[in-house]
Amino acid sequence: MNFTGKKIAIIGANEYQNRLILKAKELGIETHVFSWGGGEAGELNADNFYQVDVTKRQEIFEKCKLLKVDGVCSIASDLTNLTVNYIREKLGHIKNSNDCLELTTNKYLMRGALKAGGSPIPYYQVAKKNQNLIELCHFPYIVKPVDRSGSRGVNLVHNFDQLQKAVKESIEESFLSESIIEEFIEGDEYSIESYSKNGSHFILQITKKYTTGAPRFIERAHLAPAFIDIKLEEKIKQVVSKALTNLKVEFGSSHSEIKINEAGEIKIIEIGSRMGGDFIGSDLVIQNTKVDFLRLEIMNALGQDVSDSELTGDKEIESVISVIFSFDEKHYNQVQELFCSKIIDTAVNENYSGNVLSSSERYGYHIIKVPNSEVMKIKQVCQ
């Protein structure tokens, strides 16, 4: 497919968006990148960079219209996803509906749509600013902002006093000043990367997730493949596909997060109508399946058809791919020494302060690829 002469607008310039920028340039597409500025990787690699608040949707649209861009995209961020879809609508490009965007960026509305559609979810309720909380039973609960990602404002609470404090914190983190309180599900956690064409959903990868646990559940590592049996894999695919339809996802990438309890019951934690972050969509998918997820995202933005064969992937890959995050320099150096030649990418967070309260504050990461025979070695580091 020839991309020569195409122009694409990319919203955001952090390390995740930088993957998208580099892919577009690799395909011969002229990149126009919009972000806050500050020396981010994407700012330096963009063909053209515009320093602007990514929530200034009308301003960015006017510039995109003037530039006559052929597509607009972003990955790994609900905030930039909203801007992308606003501009796509104004330009008349293919996009998910406004209803879909609302349902996949507001956790409270998402829960309502999933419940109405018969998808399995935890118990939940919303909490608003200056609202009196009702006494709850059956602790613990997870408290989180209705409209943020990256573990911002997330807390596990075991009593009513903790609940009040956590709700206040999550409301302060929320753009809408709203928090969601939901039943805490014990069990293994997975993420699912999907691509949709006219309402048909293709599951590309199931990833095993590892977090810090309580209180904030910040991601420590991701592993693909997830090493689950075929029956569970098919069950996950059915549950996620139904949920995507319930949330009116019709086009492009999506990222779903689920937990499976000891009884084998699947509970949907949340779903975004965009590619997942933490290098899952940009790096792990292509290494694990050979499906070029970034290329698919760009094709979707340009309104180009994606064939079923481009979504099939390779089931015979005999290797394991993982991203491992370090929360301090000591752990980072240990991973570096342990895997050495198996590391395919690594970086340190220049803004690391030592206080990790969300995923953006971790010390650094390694993306590691090992043969299947070494899967236990990498699992031990992930856990």
Protein backbone atom coordinates (compact mmCIF):
# COMPACT_ATOMS: atom_id res chain seq x y z
CA MET A 1 0.00 0.00 0.00
CA ASN A 2 1.38 3.41 -0.99
CA PHE A 3 1.28 6.12 1.68
CA THR A 4 3.39 8.61 -0.28
CA GLY A 5 2.09 12.17 -0.12
CA LYS A 6 -0.18 11.50 2.88
CA LYS A 7 -0.26 13.81 5.88
CA ILE A 8 -1.27 12.70 9.35
CA ALA A 9 -1.95 14.65 12.52
CA ILE A 10 -0.90 12.93 15.75
CA ILE A 11 -2.21 14.22 19.06
CA GLY A 12 0.37 13.92 21.83
CA ALA A 13 4.14 13.45 21.80
CA ASN A 14 5.02 11.22 24.76
CA GLU A 15 6.93 7.94 24.46
CA TYR A 16 3.80 6.02 23.38
CA GLN A 17 2.83 8.57 20.71
CA ASN A 18 6.44 8.61 19.57
CA ARG A 19 6.04 4.97 18.48
CA LEU A 20 3.13 6.10 16.30
CA ILE A 21 5.11 9.02 14.89
CA LEU A 22 8.06 6.82 13.96
CA LYS A 23 5.75 4.24 12.33
CA ALA A 24 4.07 6.94 10.22
CA LYS A 25 7.46 8.26 9.11
CA GLU A 26 8.60 4.72 8.31
CA LEU A 27 5.57 4.43 6.01
CA GLY A 28 6.53 7.68 4.26
CA ILE A 29 3.74 9.76 5.81
CA GLU A 30 4.32 13.41 6.72
CA THR A 31 3.73 13.85 10.46
CA HIS A 32 2.13 16.88 12.12
CA VAL A 33 2.30 16.50 15.89
CA PHE A 34 0.35 18.52 18.45
CA SER A 35 1.32 18.50 22.12
CA TRP A 36 2.10 20.64 25.17
CA GLY A 37 5.84 20.72 24.41
CA GLY A 38 8.71 20.28 26.82
CA GLY A 39 11.16 18.19 24.82
CA GLU A 40 9.14 14.96 24.59
CA ALA A 41 10.45 12.26 22.27
CA GLY A 42 7.69 12.79 19.71
CA GLU A 43 8.34 16.51 19.60
CA LEU A 44 11.89 15.89 18.51
CA ASN A 45 11.00 13.23 15.92
CA ALA A 46 7.99 14.94 14.32
CA ASP A 47 8.31 16.37 10.82
CA ASN A 48 6.25 19.31 12.06
CA PHE A 49 5.50 20.13 15.71
CA TYR A 50 2.89 22.50 17.15
CA GLN A 51 2.97 23.42 20.83
CA VAL A 52 -0.62 23.48 22.01
CA ASP A 53 -2.79 22.13 24.83
CA VAL A 54 -4.19 18.85 23.44
CA THR A 55 -7.61 19.67 24.93
CA LYS A 56 -7.86 22.75 22.65
CA ARG A 57 -9.83 20.74 20.12
CA GLN A 58 -11.17 23.57 17.98
CA GLU A 59 -7.76 25.20 17.70
CA ILE A 60 -6.14 21.94 16.60
CA PHE A 61 -8.99 21.26 14.17
CA GLU A 62 -8.51 24.65 12.49
CA LYS A 63 -4.83 23.89 11.97
CA CYS A 64 -5.56 20.38 10.64
CA LYS A 65 -8.11 21.83 8.22
CA LEU A 66 -5.56 24.39 7.01
CA LEU A 67 -2.93 21.67 6.58
CA LYS A 68 -5.41 19.41 4.74
CA VAL A 69 -4.33 16.37 6.74
CA ASP A 70 -5.51 12.97 5.50
CA GLY A 71 -5.99 11.52 8.96
CA VAL A 72 -5.86 12.18 12.69
CA CYS A 73 -4.84 9.66 15.35
CA SER A 74 -3.42 9.00 18.79
CA ILE A 75 -2.88 5.96 21.00
CA ALA A 76 -2.88 4.98 24.69
CA SER A 77 -4.78 8.01 26.01
CA ASP A 78 -8.46 8.66 26.65
CA LEU A 79 -7.79 12.40 26.74
CA THR A 80 -6.22 12.57 23.28
CA ASN A 81 -8.77 10.05 21.97
CA LEU A 82 -11.50 12.61 22.67
CA THR A 83 -9.61 15.26 20.70
CA VAL A 84 -8.95 12.87 17.81
CA ASN A 85 -12.62 11.97 17.44
CA TYR A 86 -13.73 15.60 17.68
CA ILE A 87 -11.42 16.52 14.80
CA ARG A 88 -12.35 13.46 12.75
CA GLU A 89 -16.00 14.41 13.02
CA LYS A 90 -15.32 17.99 11.93
CA LEU A 91 -13.24 16.76 8.98
CA GLY A 92 -15.82 14.15 7.99
CA HIS A 93 -13.47 11.20 8.59
CA ILE A 94 -14.49 7.70 9.71
CA LYS A 95 -14.84 7.52 13.48
CA ASN A 96 -16.64 5.88 16.36
CA SER A 97 -19.86 7.60 17.42
CA ASN A 98 -19.96 10.27 20.12
CA ASP A 99 -21.97 7.81 22.22
CA CYS A 100 -19.11 5.31 21.94
CA LEU A 101 -16.57 7.91 23.03
CA GLU A 102 -18.67 8.89 26.02
CA LEU A 103 -19.19 5.26 27.06
CA THR A 104 -15.50 4.34 26.73
CA THR A 105 -14.05 7.40 28.52
CA ASN A 106 -16.46 7.62 31.47
CA LYS A 107 -16.23 4.57 33.73
CA TYR A 108 -19.64 5.17 35.31
CA LEU A 109 -21.46 5.38 31.97
CA MET A 110 -19.42 2.42 30.75
CA ARG A 111 -20.62 0.30 33.67
CA GLY A 112 -24.23 1.22 32.93
CA ALA A 113 -23.98 0.25 29.25
CA LEU A 114 -22.22 -3.03 30.03
CA LYS A 115 -24.76 -3.94 32.70
CA ALA A 116 -27.66 -3.14 30.35
CA GLY A 117 -26.08 -5.31 27.66
CA GLY A 118 -25.62 -8.29 29.96
CA SER A 119 -21.83 -8.09 30.23
CA PRO A 120 -20.26 -9.29 33.50
CA ILE A 121 -19.11 -6.38 35.69
CA PRO A 122 -18.41 -5.71 39.38
CA TYR A 123 -20.94 -3.93 41.61
CA TYR A 124 -20.47 -0.15 41.28
CA GLN A 125 -21.81 3.27 42.19
CA VAL A 126 -20.81 6.87 41.45
CA ALA A 127 -19.72 9.54 43.93
CA LYS A 128 -19.83 13.26 43.13
CA LYS A 129 -18.31 16.33 44.72
CA ASN A 130 -20.01 17.43 47.96
CA GLN A 131 -22.26 14.38 47.87
CA ASN A 132 -22.88 12.49 51.11
CA LEU A 133 -21.68 8.90 50.83
CA ILE A 134 -23.94 6.08 51.89
CA GLU A 135 -22.61 3.45 54.27
CA LEU A 136 -21.43 0.41 52.30
CA CYS A 137 -21.03 -3.20 53.35
CA HIS A 138 -18.84 -5.98 51.93
CA PHE A 139 -15.52 -4.13 51.84
CA PRO A 140 -13.00 -3.86 50.20
CA TYR A 141 -13.80 -1.54 47.28
CA ILE A 142 -11.73 0.08 44.54
CA VAL A 143 -12.11 3.85 44.20
CA LYS A 144 -11.03 5.62 41.01
CA PRO A 145 -11.82 8.77 38.97
CA VAL A 146 -14.49 8.14 36.33
CA ASP A 147 -12.35 9.66 33.57
CA ARG A 148 -8.63 9.06 34.19
CA SER A 149 -6.12 6.32 33.36
CA GLY A 150 -2.60 5.30 34.39
CA SER A 151 -3.64 4.42 37.99
CA ARG A 152 -4.18 8.10 38.84
CA GLY A 153 -6.33 8.53 41.93
CA VAL A 154 -6.86 4.77 42.36
CA ASN A 155 -7.12 3.31 45.88
CA LEU A 156 -8.26 0.12 47.58
CA VAL A 157 -10.31 0.82 50.74
CA HIS A 158 -11.24 -1.47 53.63
CA ASN A 159 -13.54 0.74 55.71
CA PHE A 160 -15.76 3.80 55.51
CA ASP A 161 -13.12 6.27 56.72
CA GLN A 162 -10.71 5.11 54.02
CA LEU A 163 -13.54 5.31 51.50
CA GLN A 164 -14.25 8.97 52.26
CA LYS A 165 -10.58 9.90 51.94
CA ALA A 166 -10.12 7.93 48.69
CA VAL A 167 -13.26 9.41 47.11
CA LYS A 168 -12.01 12.92 47.86
CA GLU A 169 -8.64 12.15 46.27
CA SER A 170 -10.11 10.55 43.14
CA ILE A 171 -12.59 13.41 42.67
CA GLU A 172 -9.67 15.85 42.77
CA GLU A 173 -7.97 13.83 40.00
CA SER A 174 -11.14 13.69 37.87
CA PHE A 175 -11.80 16.22 35.11
CA LEU A 176 -15.52 15.74 35.80
CA SER A 177 -15.09 15.79 39.60
CA GLU A 178 -16.66 12.35 39.84
CA SER A 179 -15.46 9.08 41.32
CA ILE A 180 -16.58 5.50 40.86
CA ILE A 181 -16.72 3.02 43.73
CA GLU A 182 -16.68 -0.60 42.66
CA GLU A 183 -16.46 -4.06 44.13
CA PHE A 184 -12.88 -5.33 44.39
CA ILE A 185 -12.40 -8.52 42.38
CA GLU A 186 -9.69 -10.92 43.50
CA GLY A 187 -8.03 -12.81 40.68
CA ASP A 188 -5.69 -12.75 37.68
CA GLU A 189 -5.77 -9.70 35.45
CA TYR A 190 -5.51 -9.61 31.65
CA SER A 191 -5.72 -7.01 28.91
CA ILE A 192 -7.12 -7.67 25.45
CA GLU A 193 -6.11 -5.78 22.31
CA SER A 194 -8.72 -5.68 19.55
CA TYR A 195 -9.36 -4.11 16.16
CA SER A 196 -12.87 -3.44 14.85
CA LYS A 197 -14.13 -3.13 11.27
CA ASN A 198 -17.69 -1.90 10.79
CA GLY A 199 -18.70 -3.41 14.13
CA SER A 200 -16.91 -6.76 13.67
CA HIS A 201 -14.27 -7.36 16.33
CA PHE A 202 -10.91 -9.11 15.87
CA ILE A 203 -9.06 -10.09 19.05
CA LEU A 204 -5.34 -9.65 18.39
CA GLN A 205 -3.76 -10.50 21.72
CA ILE A 206 -4.46 -11.43 25.33
CA THR A 207 -1.81 -10.13 27.72
CA LYS A 208 -1.13 -11.17 31.32
CA LYS A 209 -0.89 -8.14 33.62
CA TYR A 210 1.10 -7.80 36.84
CA THR A 211 0.49 -4.91 39.24
CA THR A 212 1.80 -3.63 42.57
CA GLY A 213 -1.45 -4.66 44.23
CA ALA A 214 -3.04 -2.50 46.91
CA PRO A 215 -3.46 0.33 47.32
CA ARG A 216 -2.90 1.75 43.79
CA PHE A 217 -2.47 -1.28 41.51
CA ILE A 218 0.17 0.30 39.28
CA GLU A 219 1.31 -1.95 36.43
CA ARG A 220 4.67 -3.64 37.06
CA ALA A 221 4.82 -5.86 33.97
CA HIS A 222 2.95 -7.24 30.97
CA LEU A 223 3.53 -10.64 29.38
CA ALA A 224 2.50 -12.03 25.99
CA PRO A 225 1.33 -14.58 25.20
CA ALA A 226 -0.73 -14.94 28.37
CA PHE A 227 -0.33 -18.75 28.52
CA ILE A 228 -3.99 -19.63 29.12
CA ASP A 229 -5.88 -22.68 27.89
CA ILE A 230 -7.87 -22.54 24.67
CA LYS A 231 -11.28 -22.77 26.39
CA LEU A 232 -10.57 -19.75 28.58
CA GLU A 233 -9.15 -17.88 25.60
CA GLU A 234 -12.35 -18.44 23.59
CA LYS A 235 -14.50 -17.42 26.57
CA ILE A 236 -12.52 -14.19 26.96
CA LYS A 237 -12.89 -13.41 23.26
CA GLN A 238 -16.66 -13.91 23.42
CA VAL A 239 -17.06 -11.74 26.51
CA VAL A 240 -14.90 -8.93 25.14
CA SER A 241 -16.51 -8.95 21.69
CA LYS A 242 -19.97 -8.67 23.24
CA ALA A 243 -18.80 -5.84 25.50
CA LEU A 244 -17.31 -3.91 22.56
CA THR A 245 -20.67 -4.13 20.81
CA ASN A 246 -22.44 -2.97 24.00
CA LEU A 247 -20.16 0.06 24.07
CA LYS A 248 -20.83 0.79 20.38
CA VAL A 249 -17.22 0.30 19.26
CA GLU A 250 -17.25 0.00 15.46
CA PHE A 251 -13.87 1.15 14.15
CA GLY A 252 -10.20 0.86 15.03
CA SER A 253 -8.28 -0.14 18.12
CA SER A 254 -9.59 -0.99 21.57
CA HIS A 255 -8.05 -2.01 24.87
CA SER A 256 -10.00 -4.09 27.39
CA GLU A 257 -9.07 -5.02 30.93
CA ILE A 258 -10.59 -7.98 32.77
CA LYS A 259 -10.10 -10.01 35.93
CA ILE A 260 -10.84 -13.70 36.42
CA ASN A 261 -11.65 -14.93 39.92
CA GLU A 262 -10.94 -18.35 41.42
CA ALA A 263 -14.30 -19.65 40.18
CA GLY A 264 -13.28 -18.81 36.61
CA GLU A 265 -15.77 -15.94 36.31
CA ILE A 266 -14.76 -13.08 34.06
CA LYS A 267 -15.41 -9.51 35.21
CA ILE A 268 -14.82 -6.55 32.90
CA ILE A 269 -12.81 -3.82 34.63
CA GLU A 270 -12.80 -1.25 31.83
CA ILE A 271 -12.57 -0.79 28.07
CA GLY A 272 -11.07 2.02 26.01
CA SER A 273 -11.82 2.69 22.35
CA ARG A 274 -8.12 3.23 21.67
CA MET A 275 -4.90 1.25 21.74
CA GLY A 276 -3.54 0.31 25.15
CA GLY A 277 -0.50 2.00 26.67
CA ASP A 278 2.55 0.60 28.46
CA PHE A 279 3.90 -0.54 25.05
CA ILE A 280 1.32 -3.35 24.88
CA GLY A 281 -0.24 -2.23 21.61
CA SER A 282 2.80 -0.60 20.07
CA ASP A 283 5.45 -3.24 20.87
CA LEU A 284 4.13 -6.44 22.43
CA VAL A 285 1.46 -7.14 19.80
CA ILE A 286 3.79 -7.04 16.80
CA GLN A 287 6.50 -9.02 18.61
CA ASN A 288 4.03 -11.66 19.80
CA THR A 289 1.76 -11.97 16.75
CA LYS A 290 3.46 -10.18 13.83
CA VAL A 291 0.33 -8.00 13.50
CA ASP A 292 1.53 -4.42 12.99
CA PHE A 293 -0.98 -2.72 15.30
CA LEU A 294 0.49 0.76 14.77
CA ARG A 295 0.12 0.39 11.00
CA LEU A 296 -3.50 -0.69 11.48
CA GLU A 297 -4.15 2.40 13.59
CA ILE A 298 -2.69 4.62 10.88
CA MET A 299 -4.73 2.89 8.17
CA ASN A 300 -7.88 3.39 10.23
CA ALA A 301 -7.06 7.09 10.61
CA LEU A 302 -6.56 7.41 6.86
CA GLY A 303 -9.86 5.60 6.16
CA GLN A 304 -8.12 2.70 4.40
CA ASP A 305 -9.50 -0.83 4.41
CA VAL A 306 -7.73 -3.46 6.50
CA SER A 307 -7.93 -7.03 5.17
CA ASP A 308 -8.75 -9.95 7.47
CA SER A 309 -5.34 -11.44 6.65
CA GLU A 310 -3.65 -8.39 8.18
CA LEU A 311 -5.46 -9.16 11.45
CA THR A 312 -4.77 -12.89 11.60
CA GLY A 313 -1.30 -12.92 13.09
CA ASP A 314 1.19 -15.76 13.51
CA LYS A 315 0.37 -18.52 16.00
CA GLU A 316 3.74 -20.27 15.60
CA ILE A 317 6.02 -17.70 17.22
CA GLU A 318 8.20 -19.52 19.74
CA SER A 319 9.14 -16.60 21.95
CA VAL A 320 7.82 -14.57 24.86
CA ILE A 321 7.69 -10.79 24.94
CA SER A 322 7.38 -8.73 28.09
CA VAL A 323 7.68 -5.16 29.30
CA ILE A 324 8.98 -4.89 32.85
CA PHE A 325 8.75 -1.60 34.74
CA SER A 326 11.15 -0.61 37.49
CA PHE A 327 10.19 1.61 40.40
CA ASP A 328 13.77 2.41 41.39
CA GLU A 329 17.31 2.33 40.02
CA LYS A 330 18.29 -0.84 41.88
CA HIS A 331 15.54 -2.94 40.28
CA TYR A 332 16.24 -1.39 36.88
CA ASN A 333 19.90 -2.43 37.08
CA GLN A 334 18.96 -5.94 38.24
CA VAL A 335 16.70 -6.46 35.21
CA GLN A 336 19.39 -5.02 32.95
CA GLU A 337 21.96 -7.48 34.25
CA LEU A 338 19.62 -10.49 34.31
CA PHE A 339 18.43 -10.27 30.70
CA CYS A 340 21.30 -8.44 29.06
CA SER A 341 21.25 -9.40 25.35
CA LYS A 342 17.49 -10.25 25.46
CA ILE A 343 16.55 -6.56 25.92
CA ILE A 344 15.15 -5.00 22.74
CA ASP A 345 14.35 -1.57 24.20
CA THR A 346 14.85 0.30 27.47
CA ALA A 347 14.65 3.83 28.87
CA VAL A 348 14.74 5.74 32.14
CA ASN A 349 12.18 8.35 33.19
CA GLU A 350 14.07 11.66 33.32
CA ASN A 351 11.40 13.13 35.59
CA TYR A 352 11.58 10.34 38.17
CA SER A 353 11.17 11.73 41.70
CA GLY A 354 11.23 8.54 43.76
CA ASN A 355 7.55 8.80 44.67
CA VAL A 356 5.58 6.47 42.37
CA LEU A 357 1.85 7.17 42.69
CA SER A 358 0.89 6.51 39.06
CA SER A 359 2.28 4.76 36.00
CA SER A 360 3.79 8.00 34.64
CA GLU A 361 6.11 8.20 37.66
CA ARG A 362 7.88 4.83 37.35
CA TYR A 363 11.70 4.82 37.12
CA GLY A 364 12.05 3.09 33.76
CA TYR A 365 11.26 0.05 31.64
CA HIS A 366 12.77 -2.85 29.71
CA ILE A 367 11.13 -4.62 26.77
CA ILE A 368 12.49 -8.16 26.76
CA LYS A 369 12.15 -11.04 24.30
CA VAL A 370 13.13 -14.57 25.28
CA PRO A 371 12.54 -18.05 23.80
CA ASN A 372 9.61 -20.06 25.20
CA SER A 373 12.08 -22.22 27.11
CA GLU A 374 12.85 -19.23 29.35
CA VAL A 375 9.27 -18.30 30.15
CA MET A 376 9.59 -19.22 33.84
CA LYS A 377 12.60 -16.95 34.20
CA ILE A 378 10.67 -13.98 32.88
CA LYS A 379 7.51 -14.85 34.85
CA GLN A 380 9.50 -14.83 38.08
CA VAL A 381 10.68 -11.28 37.40
CA CYS A 382 7.16 -10.14 36.45
CA GLN A 383 5.57 -11.46 39.65
